[in-house]
Amino acid sequence: MKMAKYYTKRKSNKNKPKNRVELPPIPPKVQQELKHEISKATDKIKSWTRRQLGAYQNDRNPVCIPIKDGYKIGLYRLHVYPNKTCEVYDRNDELVHLFENKVNAVLYTIYTIKMNTEMSNEILTLDSEINRNYNDMLLMRRGIASAVKQKDFFAVDAKQARLDIVEKRLQLARNKMEKIHLIAKSAKIWQ
């Protein structure tokens, strides 16, 4: 009868660092002071960055800086999600709007920085209309699918008529937004 070898009997010395000096633990009071100093330094860096970005914005030349979850344009922060929607936050980190796509959000912030309130308001209202009509379209499609399952064909006809209206409104709003994109592209507003 053979016995199996027990390989974990002796531990390897390969993973142990050689000549490692153990430091004494840091007292809690010193840890608190270190945390306080580190937070002061990071706050100072954040305020300096905001001042510098504010100086760039005062020139009305928007500067686009990529950050880990989106972009920073002037004092506005854009948070881009994987489904291509984009949230815009103002200088106080308050949500301005959830845009359908990144291009609409960038155009809105650039027009706002350049003090073109007419175009920025138009982009905001068109994007709100696109979001509303898109959500209504999804709701109508789900309603039609559930009415077909229940074999309620009167409800299917009524919802189909409303779905057609919502799809036309959505297409019109998207066409208007596409015209704004073309105008901005030909005018090169980001320069």
C-alpha atoms as a PDB file:
ATOM      1  CA  MET A   1       0.000   0.000   0.000  1.00  0.00           C
ATOM      2  CA  LYS A   2       1.386   3.374  -1.082  1.00  0.00           C
ATOM      3  CA  MET A   3       0.759   6.538   0.847  1.00  0.00           C
ATOM      4  CA  ALA A   4       0.083   9.860  -0.883  1.00  0.00           C
ATOM      5  CA  LYS A   5       2.566  12.636  -0.255  1.00  0.00           C
ATOM      6  CA  TYR A   6       1.362  15.561   1.764  1.00  0.00           C
ATOM      7  CA  TYR A   7       2.727  18.585  -0.091  1.00  0.00           C
ATOM      8  CA  THR A   8       1.526  21.334   2.230  1.00  0.00           C
ATOM      9  CA  LYS A   9       3.514  20.102   5.195  1.00  0.00           C
ATOM     10  CA  ARG A  10       6.388  22.495   4.677  1.00  0.00           C
ATOM     11  CA  LYS A  11       5.762  26.028   3.538  1.00  0.00           C
ATOM     12  CA  SER A  12       7.881  27.579   0.839  1.00  0.00           C
ATOM     13  CA  ASN A  13      10.196  30.449   1.642  1.00  0.00           C
ATOM     14  CA  LYS A  14       9.885  31.878  -1.876  1.00  0.00           C
ATOM     15  CA  ASN A  15       7.018  34.247  -1.050  1.00  0.00           C
ATOM     16  CA  LYS A  16       8.571  35.643   2.095  1.00  0.00           C
ATOM     17  CA  PRO A  17      10.515  38.869   1.490  1.00  0.00           C
ATOM     18  CA  LYS A  18      14.064  38.827   2.715  1.00  0.00           C
ATOM     19  CA  ASN A  19      15.441  41.494   5.039  1.00  0.00           C
ATOM     20  CA  ARG A  20      12.067  43.153   5.474  1.00  0.00           C
ATOM     21  CA  VAL A  21      11.936  45.700   8.248  1.00  0.00           C
ATOM     22  CA  GLU A  22       8.703  45.758  10.224  1.00  0.00           C
ATOM     23  CA  LEU A  23       7.588  49.270  11.066  1.00  0.00           C
ATOM     24  CA  PRO A  24       5.757  50.003  14.268  1.00  0.00           C
ATOM     25  CA  PRO A  25       2.019  50.730  13.851  1.00  0.00           C
ATOM     26  CA  ILE A  26       0.992  54.361  13.397  1.00  0.00           C
ATOM     27  CA  PRO A  27      -0.893  55.773  16.373  1.00  0.00           C
ATOM     28  CA  PRO A  28      -4.549  56.722  15.693  1.00  0.00           C
ATOM     29  CA  LYS A  29      -3.946  60.408  16.440  1.00  0.00           C
ATOM     30  CA  VAL A  30      -1.194  60.598  13.827  1.00  0.00           C
ATOM     31  CA  GLN A  31      -3.423  58.733  11.333  1.00  0.00           C
ATOM     32  CA  GLN A  32      -6.143  61.347  11.798  1.00  0.00           C
ATOM     33  CA  GLU A  33      -3.654  64.175  11.316  1.00  0.00           C
ATOM     34  CA  LEU A  34      -2.345  62.522   8.140  1.00  0.00           C
ATOM     35  CA  LYS A  35      -5.879  62.107   6.775  1.00  0.00           C
ATOM     36  CA  HIS A  36      -6.616  65.744   7.563  1.00  0.00           C
ATOM     37  CA  GLU A  37      -3.457  66.969   5.804  1.00  0.00           C
ATOM     38  CA  ILE A  38      -4.132  64.764   2.775  1.00  0.00           C
ATOM     39  CA  SER A  39      -7.714  66.032   2.476  1.00  0.00           C
ATOM     40  CA  LYS A  40      -6.479  69.639   2.755  1.00  0.00           C
ATOM     41  CA  ALA A  41      -3.990  69.035  -0.042  1.00  0.00           C
ATOM     42  CA  THR A  42      -6.580  67.412  -2.322  1.00  0.00           C
ATOM     43  CA  ASP A  43      -9.063  70.230  -1.639  1.00  0.00           C
ATOM     44  CA  LYS A  44      -6.391  72.762  -2.561  1.00  0.00           C
ATOM     45  CA  ILE A  45      -5.652  70.929  -5.812  1.00  0.00           C
ATOM     46  CA  LYS A  46      -9.376  70.700  -6.646  1.00  0.00           C
ATOM     47  CA  SER A  47      -9.951  74.401  -6.010  1.00  0.00           C
ATOM     48  CA  TRP A  48      -6.891  75.314  -8.100  1.00  0.00           C
ATOM     49  CA  THR A  49      -8.176  73.165 -10.980  1.00  0.00           C
ATOM     50  CA  ARG A  50     -11.604  74.756 -10.785  1.00  0.00           C
ATOM     51  CA  ARG A  51     -10.068  78.227 -10.837  1.00  0.00           C
ATOM     52  CA  GLN A  52      -7.969  77.362 -13.876  1.00  0.00           C
ATOM     53  CA  LEU A  53     -10.957  75.881 -15.704  1.00  0.00           C
ATOM     54  CA  GLY A  54     -12.976  78.942 -14.729  1.00  0.00           C
ATOM     55  CA  ALA A  55     -10.313  81.176 -16.261  1.00  0.00           C
ATOM     56  CA  TYR A  56     -10.536  79.169 -19.473  1.00  0.00           C
ATOM     57  CA  GLN A  57     -14.312  79.451 -19.435  1.00  0.00           C
ATOM     58  CA  ASN A  58     -14.202  83.214 -18.917  1.00  0.00           C
ATOM     59  CA  ASP A  59     -12.349  83.434 -22.218  1.00  0.00           C
ATOM     60  CA  ARG A  60     -15.399  81.720 -23.782  1.00  0.00           C
ATOM     61  CA  ASN A  61     -13.108  79.140 -25.324  1.00  0.00           C
ATOM     62  CA  PRO A  62     -14.384  75.813 -24.049  1.00  0.00           C
ATOM     63  CA  VAL A  63     -11.687  73.308 -23.176  1.00  0.00           C
ATOM     64  CA  CYS A  64     -12.643  69.628 -23.357  1.00  0.00           C
ATOM     65  CA  ILE A  65     -10.739  67.454 -20.895  1.00  0.00           C
ATOM     66  CA  PRO A  66     -11.369  63.685 -20.840  1.00  0.00           C
ATOM     67  CA  ILE A  67     -11.873  62.283 -17.338  1.00  0.00           C
ATOM     68  CA  LYS A  68     -12.421  58.706 -16.154  1.00  0.00           C
ATOM     69  CA  ASP A  69     -16.202  58.600 -16.694  1.00  0.00           C
ATOM     70  CA  GLY A  70     -16.756  61.259 -19.347  1.00  0.00           C
ATOM     71  CA  TYR A  71     -15.555  64.778 -20.098  1.00  0.00           C
ATOM     72  CA  LYS A  72     -15.030  68.113 -18.422  1.00  0.00           C
ATOM     73  CA  ILE A  73     -15.925  71.101 -20.608  1.00  0.00           C
ATOM     74  CA  GLY A  74     -15.272  74.393 -18.862  1.00  0.00           C
ATOM     75  CA  LEU A  75     -16.919  74.048 -15.480  1.00  0.00           C
ATOM     76  CA  TYR A  76     -19.435  71.491 -16.744  1.00  0.00           C
ATOM     77  CA  ARG A  77     -18.937  67.775 -16.209  1.00  0.00           C
ATOM     78  CA  LEU A  78     -20.349  65.204 -18.635  1.00  0.00           C
ATOM     79  CA  HIS A  79     -20.884  61.656 -17.411  1.00  0.00           C
ATOM     80  CA  VAL A  80     -21.177  59.256 -20.367  1.00  0.00           C
ATOM     81  CA  TYR A  81     -22.931  55.929 -19.770  1.00  0.00           C
ATOM     82  CA  PRO A  82     -22.374  52.690 -21.719  1.00  0.00           C
ATOM     83  CA  ASN A  83     -25.819  53.022 -23.366  1.00  0.00           C
ATOM     84  CA  LYS A  84     -24.560  56.316 -24.920  1.00  0.00           C
ATOM     85  CA  THR A  85     -26.716  58.600 -22.763  1.00  0.00           C
ATOM     86  CA  CYS A  86     -24.941  61.499 -21.128  1.00  0.00           C
ATOM     87  CA  GLU A  87     -25.620  63.453 -17.940  1.00  0.00           C
ATOM     88  CA  VAL A  88     -24.518  67.086 -17.699  1.00  0.00           C
ATOM     89  CA  TYR A  89     -23.609  68.554 -14.308  1.00  0.00           C
ATOM     90  CA  ASP A  90     -23.016  72.267 -13.719  1.00  0.00           C
ATOM     91  CA  ARG A  91     -20.289  73.900 -11.633  1.00  0.00           C
ATOM     92  CA  ASN A  92     -22.107  73.004  -8.382  1.00  0.00           C
ATOM     93  CA  ASP A  93     -22.351  69.326  -9.388  1.00  0.00           C
ATOM     94  CA  GLU A  94     -26.101  69.619  -9.889  1.00  0.00           C
ATOM     95  CA  LEU A  95     -27.706  67.628 -12.687  1.00  0.00           C
ATOM     96  CA  VAL A  96     -28.740  69.834 -15.602  1.00  0.00           C
ATOM     97  CA  HIS A  97     -30.197  67.178 -17.900  1.00  0.00           C
ATOM     98  CA  LEU A  98     -29.840  63.579 -19.065  1.00  0.00           C
ATOM     99  CA  PHE A  99     -29.143  63.835 -22.797  1.00  0.00           C
ATOM    100  CA  GLU A 100     -29.936  61.195 -25.416  1.00  0.00           C
ATOM    101  CA  ASN A 101     -26.379  61.164 -26.733  1.00  0.00           C
ATOM    102  CA  LYS A 102     -22.977  62.691 -26.121  1.00  0.00           C
ATOM    103  CA  VAL A 103     -23.097  65.061 -29.103  1.00  0.00           C
ATOM    104  CA  ASN A 104     -26.220  66.813 -27.795  1.00  0.00           C
ATOM    105  CA  ALA A 105     -24.628  67.205 -24.361  1.00  0.00           C
ATOM    106  CA  VAL A 106     -21.389  68.614 -25.782  1.00  0.00           C
ATOM    107  CA  LEU A 107     -23.251  71.071 -28.031  1.00  0.00           C
ATOM    108  CA  TYR A 108     -25.434  72.185 -25.122  1.00  0.00           C
ATOM    109  CA  THR A 109     -22.425  72.901 -22.894  1.00  0.00           C
ATOM    110  CA  ILE A 110     -20.506  74.692 -25.646  1.00  0.00           C
ATOM    111  CA  TYR A 111     -23.469  76.907 -26.529  1.00  0.00           C
ATOM    112  CA  THR A 112     -24.040  77.615 -22.831  1.00  0.00           C
ATOM    113  CA  ILE A 113     -20.393  78.562 -22.297  1.00  0.00           C
ATOM    114  CA  LYS A 114     -20.456  80.790 -25.377  1.00  0.00           C
ATOM    115  CA  MET A 115     -23.585  82.498 -23.968  1.00  0.00           C
ATOM    116  CA  ASN A 116     -25.792  81.427 -26.898  1.00  0.00           C
ATOM    117  CA  THR A 117     -28.842  80.729 -24.757  1.00  0.00           C
ATOM    118  CA  GLU A 118     -31.249  80.484 -27.692  1.00  0.00           C
ATOM    119  CA  MET A 119     -29.451  77.482 -29.201  1.00  0.00           C
ATOM    120  CA  SER A 120     -28.734  75.854 -25.841  1.00  0.00           C
ATOM    121  CA  ASN A 121     -32.411  76.126 -24.841  1.00  0.00           C
ATOM    122  CA  GLU A 122     -33.483  74.718 -28.203  1.00  0.00           C
ATOM    123  CA  ILE A 123     -31.118  71.753 -27.787  1.00  0.00           C
ATOM    124  CA  LEU A 124     -32.442  71.180 -24.277  1.00  0.00           C
ATOM    125  CA  THR A 125     -36.113  71.250 -25.342  1.00  0.00           C
ATOM    126  CA  LEU A 126     -35.518  69.067 -28.412  1.00  0.00           C
ATOM    127  CA  ASP A 127     -33.603  66.516 -26.374  1.00  0.00           C
ATOM    128  CA  SER A 128     -36.360  66.466 -23.749  1.00  0.00           C
ATOM    129  CA  GLU A 129     -38.896  65.892 -26.511  1.00  0.00           C
ATOM    130  CA  ILE A 130     -36.774  63.098 -28.010  1.00  0.00           C
ATOM    131  CA  ASN A 131     -36.454  61.388 -24.609  1.00  0.00           C
ATOM    132  CA  ARG A 132     -40.185  61.704 -23.899  1.00  0.00           C
ATOM    133  CA  ASN A 133     -41.254  60.424 -27.320  1.00  0.00           C
ATOM    134  CA  TYR A 134     -38.755  57.554 -27.216  1.00  0.00           C
ATOM    135  CA  ASN A 135     -40.035  56.425 -23.811  1.00  0.00           C
ATOM    136  CA  ASP A 136     -43.633  56.738 -25.041  1.00  0.00           C
ATOM    137  CA  MET A 137     -42.747  54.660 -28.113  1.00  0.00           C
ATOM    138  CA  LEU A 138     -41.286  51.896 -25.949  1.00  0.00           C
ATOM    139  CA  LEU A 139     -44.341  52.002 -23.676  1.00  0.00           C
ATOM    140  CA  MET A 140     -46.726  51.781 -26.641  1.00  0.00           C
ATOM    141  CA  ARG A 141     -44.831  48.828 -28.129  1.00  0.00           C
ATOM    142  CA  ARG A 142     -44.971  46.962 -24.824  1.00  0.00           C
ATOM    143  CA  GLY A 143     -48.670  47.788 -24.539  1.00  0.00           C
ATOM    144  CA  ILE A 144     -49.331  46.472 -28.043  1.00  0.00           C
ATOM    145  CA  ALA A 145     -47.428  43.264 -27.294  1.00  0.00           C
ATOM    146  CA  SER A 146     -49.412  42.680 -24.089  1.00  0.00           C
ATOM    147  CA  ALA A 147     -52.721  43.483 -25.836  1.00  0.00           C
ATOM    148  CA  VAL A 148     -51.896  40.954 -28.585  1.00  0.00           C
ATOM    149  CA  LYS A 149     -51.218  38.312 -25.907  1.00  0.00           C
ATOM    150  CA  GLN A 150     -54.589  39.099 -24.321  1.00  0.00           C
ATOM    151  CA  LYS A 151     -56.218  39.134 -27.804  1.00  0.00           C
ATOM    152  CA  ASP A 152     -57.652  42.615 -27.220  1.00  0.00           C
ATOM    153  CA  PHE A 153     -57.526  43.847 -30.814  1.00  0.00           C
ATOM    154  CA  PHE A 154     -59.464  47.043 -30.115  1.00  0.00           C
ATOM    155  CA  ALA A 155     -56.689  48.143 -27.727  1.00  0.00           C
ATOM    156  CA  VAL A 156     -54.084  47.081 -30.315  1.00  0.00           C
ATOM    157  CA  ASP A 157     -55.648  49.360 -32.942  1.00  0.00           C
ATOM    158  CA  ALA A 158     -55.895  52.319 -30.539  1.00  0.00           C
ATOM    159  CA  LYS A 159     -52.322  51.902 -29.314  1.00  0.00           C
ATOM    160  CA  GLN A 160     -51.028  51.425 -32.855  1.00  0.00           C
ATOM    161  CA  ALA A 161     -52.534  54.779 -33.896  1.00  0.00           C
ATOM    162  CA  ARG A 162     -50.908  56.504 -30.905  1.00  0.00           C
ATOM    163  CA  LEU A 163     -47.637  54.691 -31.645  1.00  0.00           C
ATOM    164  CA  ASP A 164     -47.630  56.078 -35.193  1.00  0.00           C
ATOM    165  CA  ILE A 165     -48.118  59.626 -33.855  1.00  0.00           C
ATOM    166  CA  VAL A 166     -45.336  59.232 -31.296  1.00  0.00           C
ATOM    167  CA  GLU A 167     -42.945  57.786 -33.906  1.00  0.00           C
ATOM    168  CA  LYS A 168     -43.597  60.737 -36.246  1.00  0.00           C
ATOM    169  CA  ARG A 169     -42.982  63.228 -33.424  1.00  0.00           C
ATOM    170  CA  LEU A 170     -39.776  61.404 -32.521  1.00  0.00           C
ATOM    171  CA  GLN A 171     -38.573  61.464 -36.118  1.00  0.00           C
ATOM    172  CA  LEU A 172     -39.360  65.185 -36.467  1.00  0.00           C
ATOM    173  CA  ALA A 173     -37.464  66.013 -33.269  1.00  0.00           C
ATOM    174  CA  ARG A 174     -34.483  63.931 -34.388  1.00  0.00           C
ATOM    175  CA  ASN A 175     -34.480  65.663 -37.773  1.00  0.00           C
ATOM    176  CA  LYS A 176     -34.441  69.087 -36.087  1.00  0.00           C
ATOM    177  CA  MET A 177     -31.579  67.959 -33.851  1.00  0.00           C
ATOM    178  CA  GLU A 178     -29.693  66.679 -36.902  1.00  0.00           C
ATOM    179  CA  LYS A 179     -30.047  70.120 -38.499  1.00  0.00           C
ATOM    180  CA  ILE A 180     -28.603  71.718 -35.368  1.00  0.00           C
ATOM    181  CA  HIS A 181     -25.671  69.254 -35.539  1.00  0.00           C
ATOM    182  CA  LEU A 182     -25.020  70.178 -39.167  1.00  0.00           C
ATOM    183  CA  ILE A 183     -25.198  73.918 -38.385  1.00  0.00           C
ATOM    184  CA  ALA A 184     -22.744  73.470 -35.499  1.00  0.00           C
ATOM    185  CA  LYS A 185     -20.429  71.377 -37.650  1.00  0.00           C
ATOM    186  CA  SER A 186     -20.376  73.885 -40.488  1.00  0.00           C
ATOM    187  CA  ALA A 187     -19.961  76.832 -38.102  1.00  0.00           C
ATOM    188  CA  LYS A 188     -17.209  74.974 -36.175  1.00  0.00           C
ATOM    189  CA  ILE A 189     -18.514  76.261 -32.863  1.00  0.00           C
ATOM    190  CA  TRP A 190     -15.975  74.283 -30.817  1.00  0.00           C
ATOM    191  CA  GLN A 191     -13.057  76.313 -32.140  1.00  0.00           C
END
